[in-house]
């Protein structure tokens, strides 16, 4: 009787390292974004005023305008490549979904405490990872050809760029569903 030996897929250390660095940079970006957006700078404590001032400089900087979209693209691109090395995309989807749910709950509670409903994170990097991992698992199970997956990825990238650069007001960030614009 022949033993079937599963080969362990070797990870690419550089990709894992770069993805980790990019995730940390995205978290820093979100921290400064949230610090800038919370209350619009109306604080009484001096350290909060200083945090707001630093956050405002970061938020309005050319660095954020240029580096953030490039960093996000590289993060998503590398993460897409690394899904091929995953033992279980369904398990990975579950982990991403739990983190996304935790982010939603924490920001929801924070928004209730601070009475700022715009602070609830309804879509972000972890949501995208969750959806993409789940779709990757489905595509793997039904054996969708790679070129179809590539075309879908390109389509979603174009839609994302249209949304990001504000070409249309038909899309909203509330779970990325069509918006009627102005209602």
N, C-alpha and C. Protein backbone atom coordinates (compact mmCIF):
# COMPACT_ATOMS: atom_id res chain seq x y z
N UNK A 1 0.84 -1.17 0.00
CA UNK A 1 0.00 0.00 0.00
C UNK A 1 0.90 1.24 0.00
N UNK A 2 0.56 2.15 -0.86
CA UNK A 2 1.34 3.37 -1.01
C UNK A 2 0.87 4.43 -0.03
N UNK A 3 1.84 5.05 0.60
CA UNK A 3 1.51 6.15 1.51
C UNK A 3 1.49 7.45 0.73
N UNK A 4 0.46 8.20 0.96
CA UNK A 4 0.38 9.50 0.32
C UNK A 4 0.99 10.51 1.28
N UNK A 5 2.02 11.15 0.83
CA UNK A 5 2.71 12.12 1.68
C UNK A 5 2.37 13.52 1.19
N UNK A 6 1.81 14.28 2.10
CA UNK A 6 1.49 15.67 1.76
C UNK A 6 2.75 16.49 1.92
N UNK A 7 3.07 17.23 0.89
CA UNK A 7 4.22 18.11 0.99
C UNK A 7 3.79 19.39 1.69
N UNK A 8 4.60 19.79 2.66
CA UNK A 8 4.33 21.05 3.32
C UNK A 8 4.78 22.16 2.39
N UNK A 9 3.91 23.10 2.17
CA UNK A 9 4.25 24.22 1.30
C UNK A 9 5.18 25.15 2.06
N UNK A 10 6.34 25.43 1.49
CA UNK A 10 7.29 26.32 2.12
C UNK A 10 6.81 27.76 2.02
N UNK A 11 6.90 28.45 3.14
CA UNK A 11 6.51 29.85 3.17
C UNK A 11 7.65 30.69 2.61
N UNK A 12 7.33 31.84 2.12
CA UNK A 12 8.35 32.77 1.64
C UNK A 12 8.52 33.82 2.73
N UNK A 13 9.63 33.73 3.46
CA UNK A 13 9.86 34.58 4.63
C UNK A 13 9.73 36.06 4.30
N UNK A 14 10.31 36.49 3.19
CA UNK A 14 10.28 37.90 2.83
C UNK A 14 8.84 38.40 2.68
N UNK A 15 7.97 37.60 2.05
CA UNK A 15 6.58 37.99 1.89
C UNK A 15 5.87 38.08 3.24
N UNK A 16 6.11 37.08 4.10
CA UNK A 16 5.50 37.11 5.44
C UNK A 16 5.97 38.32 6.23
N UNK A 17 7.26 38.60 6.17
CA UNK A 17 7.83 39.74 6.89
C UNK A 17 7.25 41.05 6.35
N UNK A 18 7.23 41.20 5.04
CA UNK A 18 6.72 42.42 4.42
C UNK A 18 5.24 42.62 4.75
N UNK A 19 4.48 41.54 4.72
CA UNK A 19 3.06 41.63 5.06
C UNK A 19 2.88 42.07 6.51
N UNK A 20 3.70 41.53 7.41
CA UNK A 20 3.64 41.94 8.81
C UNK A 20 3.97 43.41 9.01
N UNK A 21 5.01 43.88 8.33
CA UNK A 21 5.40 45.29 8.41
C UNK A 21 4.27 46.17 7.87
N UNK A 22 3.69 45.78 6.74
CA UNK A 22 2.61 46.57 6.15
C UNK A 22 1.38 46.59 7.05
N UNK A 23 1.07 45.47 7.71
CA UNK A 23 -0.07 45.45 8.64
C UNK A 23 0.17 46.40 9.80
N UNK A 24 1.39 46.44 10.31
CA UNK A 24 1.72 47.36 11.39
C UNK A 24 1.58 48.81 10.92
N UNK A 25 2.07 49.10 9.71
CA UNK A 25 1.94 50.45 9.17
C UNK A 25 0.47 50.84 8.98
N UNK A 26 -0.36 49.89 8.56
CA UNK A 26 -1.79 50.17 8.39
C UNK A 26 -2.43 50.46 9.75
N UNK A 27 -2.03 49.71 10.79
CA UNK A 27 -2.57 49.97 12.13
C UNK A 27 -2.15 51.36 12.62
N UNK A 28 -0.91 51.75 12.36
CA UNK A 28 -0.45 53.09 12.73
C UNK A 28 -1.25 54.14 11.98
N UNK A 29 -1.46 53.90 10.69
CA UNK A 29 -2.26 54.82 9.87
C UNK A 29 -3.66 54.97 10.46
N UNK A 30 -4.28 53.85 10.83
CA UNK A 30 -5.63 53.91 11.39
C UNK A 30 -5.63 54.63 12.73
N UNK A 31 -4.59 54.43 13.53
CA UNK A 31 -4.51 55.11 14.82
C UNK A 31 -4.51 56.62 14.61
N UNK A 32 -3.65 57.10 13.72
CA UNK A 32 -3.58 58.55 13.48
C UNK A 32 -4.85 59.07 12.80
N UNK A 33 -5.41 58.27 11.91
CA UNK A 33 -6.67 58.66 11.27
C UNK A 33 -7.76 58.83 12.32
N UNK A 34 -7.91 57.84 13.20
CA UNK A 34 -8.94 57.90 14.24
C UNK A 34 -8.69 59.06 15.21
N UNK A 35 -7.41 59.27 15.57
CA UNK A 35 -7.08 60.37 16.48
C UNK A 35 -7.41 61.71 15.84
N UNK A 36 -7.23 61.80 14.54
CA UNK A 36 -7.54 63.05 13.84
C UNK A 36 -9.06 63.26 13.71
N UNK A 37 -9.78 62.20 13.40
CA UNK A 37 -11.21 62.31 13.15
C UNK A 37 -12.06 62.43 14.41
N UNK A 38 -11.59 61.86 15.52
CA UNK A 38 -12.39 61.87 16.76
C UNK A 38 -12.56 63.29 17.27
N UNK A 39 -13.77 63.76 17.33
CA UNK A 39 -14.15 65.06 17.88
C UNK A 39 -13.58 66.26 17.12
N UNK A 40 -12.90 66.04 16.04
CA UNK A 40 -12.39 67.17 15.27
C UNK A 40 -11.44 68.07 16.03
N UNK A 41 -10.74 67.51 17.02
CA UNK A 41 -9.73 68.28 17.75
C UNK A 41 -10.25 69.02 18.96
N UNK A 42 -11.49 68.80 19.36
CA UNK A 42 -12.05 69.47 20.52
C UNK A 42 -11.73 68.63 21.76
N UNK A 43 -10.58 68.94 22.38
CA UNK A 43 -10.12 68.21 23.55
C UNK A 43 -9.79 69.19 24.66
N UNK A 44 -9.80 68.70 25.88
CA UNK A 44 -9.41 69.55 27.00
C UNK A 44 -8.02 69.19 27.52
N UNK A 45 -7.64 67.93 27.46
CA UNK A 45 -6.33 67.50 27.95
C UNK A 45 -5.24 67.88 26.95
N UNK A 46 -4.14 68.40 27.46
CA UNK A 46 -3.05 68.86 26.60
C UNK A 46 -2.48 67.73 25.74
N UNK A 47 -2.35 66.53 26.31
CA UNK A 47 -1.76 65.42 25.54
C UNK A 47 -2.67 65.02 24.38
N UNK A 48 -4.00 65.17 24.55
CA UNK A 48 -4.93 64.86 23.46
C UNK A 48 -4.85 65.93 22.37
N UNK A 49 -4.64 67.16 22.78
CA UNK A 49 -4.47 68.24 21.80
C UNK A 49 -3.20 68.00 20.99
N UNK A 50 -2.12 67.60 21.67
CA UNK A 50 -0.86 67.30 20.97
C UNK A 50 -1.03 66.12 20.02
N UNK A 51 -1.73 65.08 20.48
CA UNK A 51 -1.99 63.91 19.62
C UNK A 51 -2.79 64.33 18.40
N UNK A 52 -3.79 65.17 18.61
CA UNK A 52 -4.59 65.65 17.48
C UNK A 52 -3.73 66.42 16.49
N UNK A 53 -2.87 67.29 16.98
CA UNK A 53 -2.03 68.09 16.09
C UNK A 53 -1.09 67.22 15.25
N UNK A 54 -0.48 66.23 15.90
CA UNK A 54 0.40 65.30 15.16
C UNK A 54 -0.42 64.51 14.15
N UNK A 55 -1.59 64.05 14.57
CA UNK A 55 -2.46 63.27 13.68
C UNK A 55 -2.92 64.10 12.49
N UNK A 56 -3.22 65.36 12.74
CA UNK A 56 -3.66 66.23 11.65
C UNK A 56 -2.54 66.40 10.61
N UNK A 57 -1.32 66.61 11.09
CA UNK A 57 -0.19 66.75 10.16
C UNK A 57 0.01 65.48 9.35
N UNK A 58 -0.12 64.33 10.02
CA UNK A 58 0.03 63.06 9.31
C UNK A 58 -1.10 62.88 8.30
N UNK A 59 -2.34 63.11 8.74
CA UNK A 59 -3.50 62.87 7.88
C UNK A 59 -3.48 63.73 6.62
N UNK A 60 -3.02 64.96 6.75
CA UNK A 60 -3.02 65.87 5.61
C UNK A 60 -1.72 65.81 4.80
N UNK A 61 -0.81 64.90 5.17
CA UNK A 61 0.50 64.87 4.52
C UNK A 61 0.45 64.20 3.15
N UNK A 62 1.39 64.59 2.32
CA UNK A 62 1.56 63.97 1.01
C UNK A 62 1.99 62.51 1.17
N UNK A 63 2.75 62.26 2.24
CA UNK A 63 3.19 60.89 2.53
C UNK A 63 1.99 59.94 2.63
N UNK A 64 0.99 60.33 3.42
CA UNK A 64 -0.19 59.46 3.58
C UNK A 64 -0.95 59.32 2.27
N UNK A 65 -1.07 60.41 1.55
CA UNK A 65 -1.80 60.40 0.29
C UNK A 65 -1.18 59.44 -0.72
N UNK A 66 0.14 59.36 -0.76
CA UNK A 66 0.83 58.53 -1.74
C UNK A 66 1.14 57.12 -1.24
N UNK A 67 1.64 57.03 -0.01
CA UNK A 67 2.14 55.74 0.50
C UNK A 67 1.01 54.81 0.89
N UNK A 68 -0.06 55.33 1.47
CA UNK A 68 -1.15 54.46 1.95
C UNK A 68 -1.75 53.60 0.84
N UNK A 69 -2.17 54.16 -0.30
CA UNK A 69 -2.76 53.29 -1.34
C UNK A 69 -1.74 52.30 -1.92
N UNK A 70 -0.50 52.71 -2.04
CA UNK A 70 0.53 51.80 -2.56
C UNK A 70 0.78 50.67 -1.56
N UNK A 71 0.86 51.04 -0.28
CA UNK A 71 1.06 50.04 0.77
C UNK A 71 -0.10 49.06 0.84
N UNK A 72 -1.32 49.57 0.73
CA UNK A 72 -2.49 48.69 0.75
C UNK A 72 -2.49 47.74 -0.45
N UNK A 73 -2.14 48.26 -1.62
CA UNK A 73 -2.09 47.41 -2.81
C UNK A 73 -1.08 46.29 -2.62
N UNK A 74 0.12 46.64 -2.15
CA UNK A 74 1.16 45.63 -1.94
C UNK A 74 0.72 44.62 -0.89
N UNK A 75 0.09 45.10 0.19
CA UNK A 75 -0.40 44.21 1.24
C UNK A 75 -1.41 43.21 0.69
N UNK A 76 -2.39 43.68 -0.07
CA UNK A 76 -3.39 42.79 -0.62
C UNK A 76 -2.79 41.84 -1.65
N UNK A 77 -1.87 42.33 -2.45
CA UNK A 77 -1.22 41.52 -3.48
C UNK A 77 -0.43 40.37 -2.83
N UNK A 78 0.39 40.72 -1.84
CA UNK A 78 1.19 39.70 -1.15
C UNK A 78 0.29 38.72 -0.41
N UNK A 79 -0.75 39.23 0.24
CA UNK A 79 -1.67 38.36 0.96
C UNK A 79 -2.36 37.38 0.02
N UNK A 80 -2.68 37.85 -1.18
CA UNK A 80 -3.28 36.96 -2.18
C UNK A 80 -2.32 35.85 -2.58
N UNK A 81 -1.06 36.19 -2.75
CA UNK A 81 -0.05 35.18 -3.09
C UNK A 81 0.09 34.18 -1.95
N UNK A 82 0.10 34.67 -0.71
CA UNK A 82 0.33 33.81 0.44
C UNK A 82 -0.84 32.88 0.74
N UNK A 83 -2.03 33.16 0.20
CA UNK A 83 -3.14 32.23 0.42
C UNK A 83 -2.85 30.87 -0.20
N UNK A 84 -2.00 30.85 -1.22
CA UNK A 84 -1.62 29.57 -1.82
C UNK A 84 -0.80 28.70 -0.88
N UNK A 85 -0.23 29.30 0.16
CA UNK A 85 0.59 28.55 1.10
C UNK A 85 -0.19 28.13 2.34
N UNK A 86 -1.44 28.54 2.41
CA UNK A 86 -2.26 28.23 3.58
C UNK A 86 -2.71 26.78 3.56
N UNK A 87 -2.72 26.17 4.74
CA UNK A 87 -3.21 24.80 4.84
C UNK A 87 -4.73 24.77 4.72
N UNK A 88 -5.37 25.77 5.31
CA UNK A 88 -6.83 25.82 5.28
C UNK A 88 -7.31 27.26 5.16
N UNK A 89 -7.77 27.62 3.97
CA UNK A 89 -8.30 28.97 3.79
C UNK A 89 -9.59 29.18 4.57
N UNK A 90 -10.33 28.10 4.83
CA UNK A 90 -11.55 28.23 5.61
C UNK A 90 -11.21 28.59 7.06
N UNK A 91 -10.20 27.95 7.61
CA UNK A 91 -9.75 28.26 8.97
C UNK A 91 -9.23 29.70 9.04
N UNK A 92 -8.47 30.09 8.02
CA UNK A 92 -7.95 31.46 7.95
C UNK A 92 -9.12 32.45 7.87
N UNK A 93 -10.15 32.11 7.09
CA UNK A 93 -11.34 32.97 6.97
C UNK A 93 -11.98 33.17 8.34
N UNK A 94 -12.10 32.09 9.10
CA UNK A 94 -12.68 32.18 10.44
C UNK A 94 -11.89 33.10 11.35
N UNK A 95 -10.57 33.02 11.28
CA UNK A 95 -9.72 33.90 12.10
C UNK A 95 -9.89 35.35 11.69
N UNK A 96 -9.87 35.59 10.39
CA UNK A 96 -10.07 36.96 9.91
C UNK A 96 -11.44 37.49 10.32
N UNK A 97 -12.46 36.65 10.21
CA UNK A 97 -13.82 37.08 10.56
C UNK A 97 -13.92 37.43 12.04
N UNK A 98 -13.26 36.64 12.89
CA UNK A 98 -13.29 36.94 14.33
C UNK A 98 -12.61 38.28 14.63
N UNK A 99 -11.48 38.53 13.98
CA UNK A 99 -10.78 39.80 14.20
C UNK A 99 -11.62 40.96 13.67
N UNK A 100 -12.23 40.79 12.49
CA UNK A 100 -13.08 41.84 11.92
C UNK A 100 -14.27 42.11 12.83
N UNK A 101 -14.87 41.06 13.37
CA UNK A 101 -16.00 41.21 14.29
C UNK A 101 -15.55 41.92 15.56
N UNK A 102 -14.40 41.57 16.08
CA UNK A 102 -13.87 42.22 17.27
C UNK A 102 -13.63 43.71 17.02
N UNK A 103 -13.07 44.04 15.86
CA UNK A 103 -12.85 45.45 15.50
C UNK A 103 -14.19 46.19 15.44
N UNK A 104 -15.18 45.55 14.82
CA UNK A 104 -16.50 46.18 14.73
C UNK A 104 -17.08 46.41 16.12
N UNK A 105 -17.03 45.40 16.98
CA UNK A 105 -17.61 45.51 18.33
C UNK A 105 -16.90 46.60 19.13
N UNK A 106 -15.58 46.61 19.11
CA UNK A 106 -14.82 47.60 19.87
C UNK A 106 -15.14 49.01 19.38
N UNK A 107 -15.16 49.21 18.07
CA UNK A 107 -15.44 50.55 17.55
C UNK A 107 -16.91 50.93 17.77
N UNK A 108 -17.80 49.96 17.74
CA UNK A 108 -19.21 50.23 18.02
C UNK A 108 -19.39 50.70 19.46
N UNK A 109 -18.78 49.95 20.40
CA UNK A 109 -18.87 50.33 21.82
C UNK A 109 -18.23 51.70 22.04
N UNK A 110 -17.06 51.92 21.42
CA UNK A 110 -16.38 53.21 21.55
C UNK A 110 -17.25 54.34 21.01
N UNK A 111 -17.93 54.09 19.89
CA UNK A 111 -18.78 55.13 19.31
C UNK A 111 -19.96 55.45 20.23
N UNK A 112 -20.48 54.44 20.93
CA UNK A 112 -21.58 54.68 21.86
C UNK A 112 -21.10 55.46 23.09
N UNK A 113 -19.91 55.11 23.57
CA UNK A 113 -19.36 55.80 24.74
C UNK A 113 -19.07 57.26 24.43
N UNK A 114 -18.51 57.49 23.25
CA UNK A 114 -18.10 58.86 22.88
C UNK A 114 -19.16 59.61 22.10
N UNK A 115 -20.27 58.95 21.81
CA UNK A 115 -21.37 59.54 21.05
C UNK A 115 -20.90 60.06 19.68
N UNK A 116 -20.05 59.26 19.01
CA UNK A 116 -19.65 59.62 17.64
C UNK A 116 -19.88 58.41 16.74
N UNK A 117 -21.05 58.36 16.10
CA UNK A 117 -21.42 57.20 15.28
C UNK A 117 -20.53 56.97 14.07
N UNK A 118 -19.79 57.98 13.63
CA UNK A 118 -18.93 57.80 12.46
C UNK A 118 -17.67 57.00 12.78
N UNK A 119 -17.44 56.66 14.04
CA UNK A 119 -16.24 55.94 14.42
C UNK A 119 -16.38 54.43 14.27
N UNK A 120 -17.55 53.93 13.92
CA UNK A 120 -17.75 52.49 13.76
C UNK A 120 -17.09 52.04 12.45
N UNK A 121 -16.19 51.08 12.56
CA UNK A 121 -15.51 50.57 11.37
C UNK A 121 -16.36 49.46 10.77
N UNK A 122 -16.91 49.73 9.59
CA UNK A 122 -17.79 48.76 8.93
C UNK A 122 -17.10 48.07 7.76
N UNK A 123 -15.98 48.57 7.33
CA UNK A 123 -15.20 47.90 6.29
C UNK A 123 -13.75 48.32 6.46
N UNK A 124 -12.86 47.39 6.22
CA UNK A 124 -11.44 47.67 6.37
C UNK A 124 -10.63 46.48 5.88
N UNK A 125 -9.36 46.50 6.22
CA UNK A 125 -8.44 45.46 5.76
C UNK A 125 -8.89 44.07 6.19
N UNK A 126 -9.29 43.92 7.45
CA UNK A 126 -9.68 42.59 7.94
C UNK A 126 -10.96 42.10 7.27
N UNK A 127 -11.86 43.00 6.94
CA UNK A 127 -13.08 42.62 6.23
C UNK A 127 -12.73 42.11 4.82
N UNK A 128 -11.82 42.83 4.18
CA UNK A 128 -11.39 42.43 2.83
C UNK A 128 -10.70 41.07 2.89
N UNK A 129 -9.82 40.88 3.88
CA UNK A 129 -9.15 39.58 4.03
C UNK A 129 -10.17 38.46 4.25
N UNK A 130 -11.19 38.75 5.05
CA UNK A 130 -12.22 37.73 5.33
C UNK A 130 -12.94 37.32 4.05
N UNK A 131 -13.42 38.30 3.32
CA UNK A 131 -14.17 38.02 2.10
C UNK A 131 -13.28 37.32 1.07
N UNK A 132 -12.08 37.83 0.88
CA UNK A 132 -11.19 37.24 -0.13
C UNK A 132 -10.76 35.82 0.23
N UNK A 133 -10.49 35.57 1.52
CA UNK A 133 -10.13 34.21 1.94
C UNK A 133 -11.29 33.25 1.73
N UNK A 134 -12.49 33.72 2.04
CA UNK A 134 -13.67 32.87 1.85
C UNK A 134 -13.89 32.59 0.36
N UNK A 135 -13.78 33.63 -0.45
CA UNK A 135 -13.93 33.42 -1.90
C UNK A 135 -12.84 32.50 -2.43
N UNK A 136 -11.60 32.67 -1.92
CA UNK A 136 -10.51 31.78 -2.33
C UNK A 136 -10.81 30.33 -1.98
N UNK A 137 -11.39 30.11 -0.81
CA UNK A 137 -11.74 28.75 -0.41
C UNK A 137 -12.83 28.18 -1.33
N UNK A 138 -13.84 29.01 -1.63
CA UNK A 138 -14.91 28.56 -2.53
C UNK A 138 -14.35 28.26 -3.92
N UNK A 139 -13.53 29.19 -4.44
CA UNK A 139 -12.94 28.99 -5.78
C UNK A 139 -12.09 27.74 -5.83
N UNK A 140 -11.39 27.46 -4.74
CA UNK A 140 -10.56 26.26 -4.67
C UNK A 140 -11.43 25.00 -4.69
N UNK A 141 -12.54 25.03 -3.97
CA UNK A 141 -13.43 23.86 -3.89
C UNK A 141 -14.13 23.58 -5.21
N UNK A 142 -14.54 24.64 -5.92
CA UNK A 142 -15.25 24.41 -7.18
C UNK A 142 -14.31 24.46 -8.39
N UNK A 143 -13.01 24.59 -8.09
CA UNK A 143 -11.96 24.53 -9.12
C UNK A 143 -12.14 25.57 -10.23
N UNK A 144 -12.25 26.82 -9.82
CA UNK A 144 -12.34 27.93 -10.77
C UNK A 144 -10.95 28.13 -11.39
N UNK A 145 -10.87 28.25 -12.70
CA UNK A 145 -9.57 28.46 -13.35
C UNK A 145 -8.89 29.76 -12.88
N UNK A 146 -7.57 29.72 -12.82
CA UNK A 146 -6.80 30.86 -12.32
C UNK A 146 -7.05 32.15 -13.10
N UNK A 147 -7.24 32.04 -14.42
CA UNK A 147 -7.44 33.26 -15.21
C UNK A 147 -8.75 33.95 -14.85
N UNK A 148 -9.77 33.19 -14.47
CA UNK A 148 -11.05 33.78 -14.03
C UNK A 148 -10.84 34.51 -12.70
N UNK A 149 -10.09 33.90 -11.81
CA UNK A 149 -9.80 34.53 -10.52
C UNK A 149 -9.02 35.82 -10.75
N UNK A 150 -8.06 35.79 -11.67
CA UNK A 150 -7.28 36.98 -12.00
C UNK A 150 -8.18 38.09 -12.55
N UNK A 151 -9.09 37.73 -13.45
CA UNK A 151 -10.01 38.73 -14.02
C UNK A 151 -10.92 39.33 -12.94
N UNK A 152 -11.42 38.48 -12.04
CA UNK A 152 -12.25 38.99 -10.93
C UNK A 152 -11.44 39.92 -10.03
N UNK A 153 -10.21 39.54 -9.76
CA UNK A 153 -9.34 40.39 -8.93
C UNK A 153 -9.11 41.74 -9.58
N UNK A 154 -8.86 41.73 -10.87
CA UNK A 154 -8.66 43.00 -11.59
C UNK A 154 -9.93 43.85 -11.57
N UNK A 155 -11.09 43.20 -11.76
CA UNK A 155 -12.36 43.92 -11.74
C UNK A 155 -12.58 44.59 -10.38
N UNK A 156 -12.38 43.83 -9.31
CA UNK A 156 -12.57 44.40 -7.97
C UNK A 156 -11.54 45.48 -7.67
N UNK A 157 -10.34 45.33 -8.20
CA UNK A 157 -9.31 46.36 -8.02
C UNK A 157 -9.73 47.66 -8.69
N UNK A 158 -10.26 47.56 -9.89
CA UNK A 158 -10.71 48.76 -10.61
C UNK A 158 -11.87 49.42 -9.87
N UNK A 159 -12.83 48.63 -9.40
CA UNK A 159 -13.96 49.18 -8.64
C UNK A 159 -13.43 49.86 -7.37
N UNK A 160 -12.47 49.22 -6.70
CA UNK A 160 -11.88 49.80 -5.51
C UNK A 160 -11.18 51.11 -5.79
N UNK A 161 -10.46 51.19 -6.90
CA UNK A 161 -9.78 52.44 -7.27
C UNK A 161 -10.79 53.54 -7.60
N UNK A 162 -11.87 53.16 -8.28
CA UNK A 162 -12.91 54.14 -8.59
C UNK A 162 -13.50 54.70 -7.30
N UNK A 163 -13.75 53.82 -6.35
CA UNK A 163 -14.28 54.26 -5.06
C UNK A 163 -13.25 55.12 -4.33
N UNK A 164 -12.00 54.65 -4.27
CA UNK A 164 -10.95 55.33 -3.51
C UNK A 164 -10.71 56.75 -4.00
N UNK A 165 -10.68 56.92 -5.32
CA UNK A 165 -10.40 58.24 -5.86
C UNK A 165 -11.66 59.07 -6.08
N UNK A 166 -12.81 58.57 -5.62
CA UNK A 166 -14.04 59.35 -5.64
C UNK A 166 -14.56 59.69 -7.02
N UNK A 167 -14.33 58.81 -7.98
CA UNK A 167 -14.78 59.06 -9.34
C UNK A 167 -16.31 59.08 -9.40
N UNK A 168 -16.95 58.33 -8.52
CA UNK A 168 -18.41 58.26 -8.50
C UNK A 168 -18.90 58.33 -7.06
N UNK A 169 -20.10 58.81 -6.87
CA UNK A 169 -20.68 58.79 -5.53
C UNK A 169 -21.72 57.66 -5.41
N UNK A 170 -21.66 56.73 -6.35
CA UNK A 170 -22.62 55.62 -6.35
C UNK A 170 -22.24 54.52 -5.36
N UNK A 171 -20.96 54.50 -4.94
CA UNK A 171 -20.52 53.49 -3.99
C UNK A 171 -20.36 54.12 -2.61
N UNK A 172 -20.62 53.33 -1.58
CA UNK A 172 -20.48 53.78 -0.21
C UNK A 172 -19.55 52.84 0.54
N UNK A 173 -18.99 53.29 1.67
CA UNK A 173 -18.11 52.44 2.46
C UNK A 173 -18.88 51.58 3.45
N UNK A 174 -20.18 51.68 3.49
CA UNK A 174 -20.98 50.87 4.41
C UNK A 174 -21.18 49.49 3.82
N UNK A 175 -20.22 48.62 4.11
CA UNK A 175 -20.19 47.24 3.62
C UNK A 175 -20.14 47.17 2.10
N UNK A 176 -19.68 48.25 1.48
CA UNK A 176 -19.39 48.32 0.04
C UNK A 176 -20.60 47.94 -0.80
N UNK A 177 -21.72 48.52 -0.47
CA UNK A 177 -22.94 48.29 -1.25
C UNK A 177 -23.26 49.55 -2.04
N UNK A 178 -23.97 49.41 -3.14
CA UNK A 178 -24.32 50.59 -3.93
C UNK A 178 -25.14 51.58 -3.11
N UNK A 179 -24.87 52.85 -3.33
CA UNK A 179 -25.55 53.94 -2.64
C UNK A 179 -26.32 54.73 -3.69
N UNK A 180 -27.46 55.22 -3.33
CA UNK A 180 -28.26 55.98 -4.28
C UNK A 180 -27.75 57.41 -4.43
N UNK A 181 -26.79 57.80 -3.62
CA UNK A 181 -26.18 59.12 -3.74
C UNK A 181 -27.11 60.23 -3.31
N UNK A 182 -26.83 60.79 -2.15
CA UNK A 182 -27.59 61.94 -1.70
C UNK A 182 -28.85 61.63 -0.93
N UNK A 183 -29.21 60.38 -0.73
CA UNK A 183 -30.42 60.07 0.02
C UNK A 183 -30.14 59.99 1.50
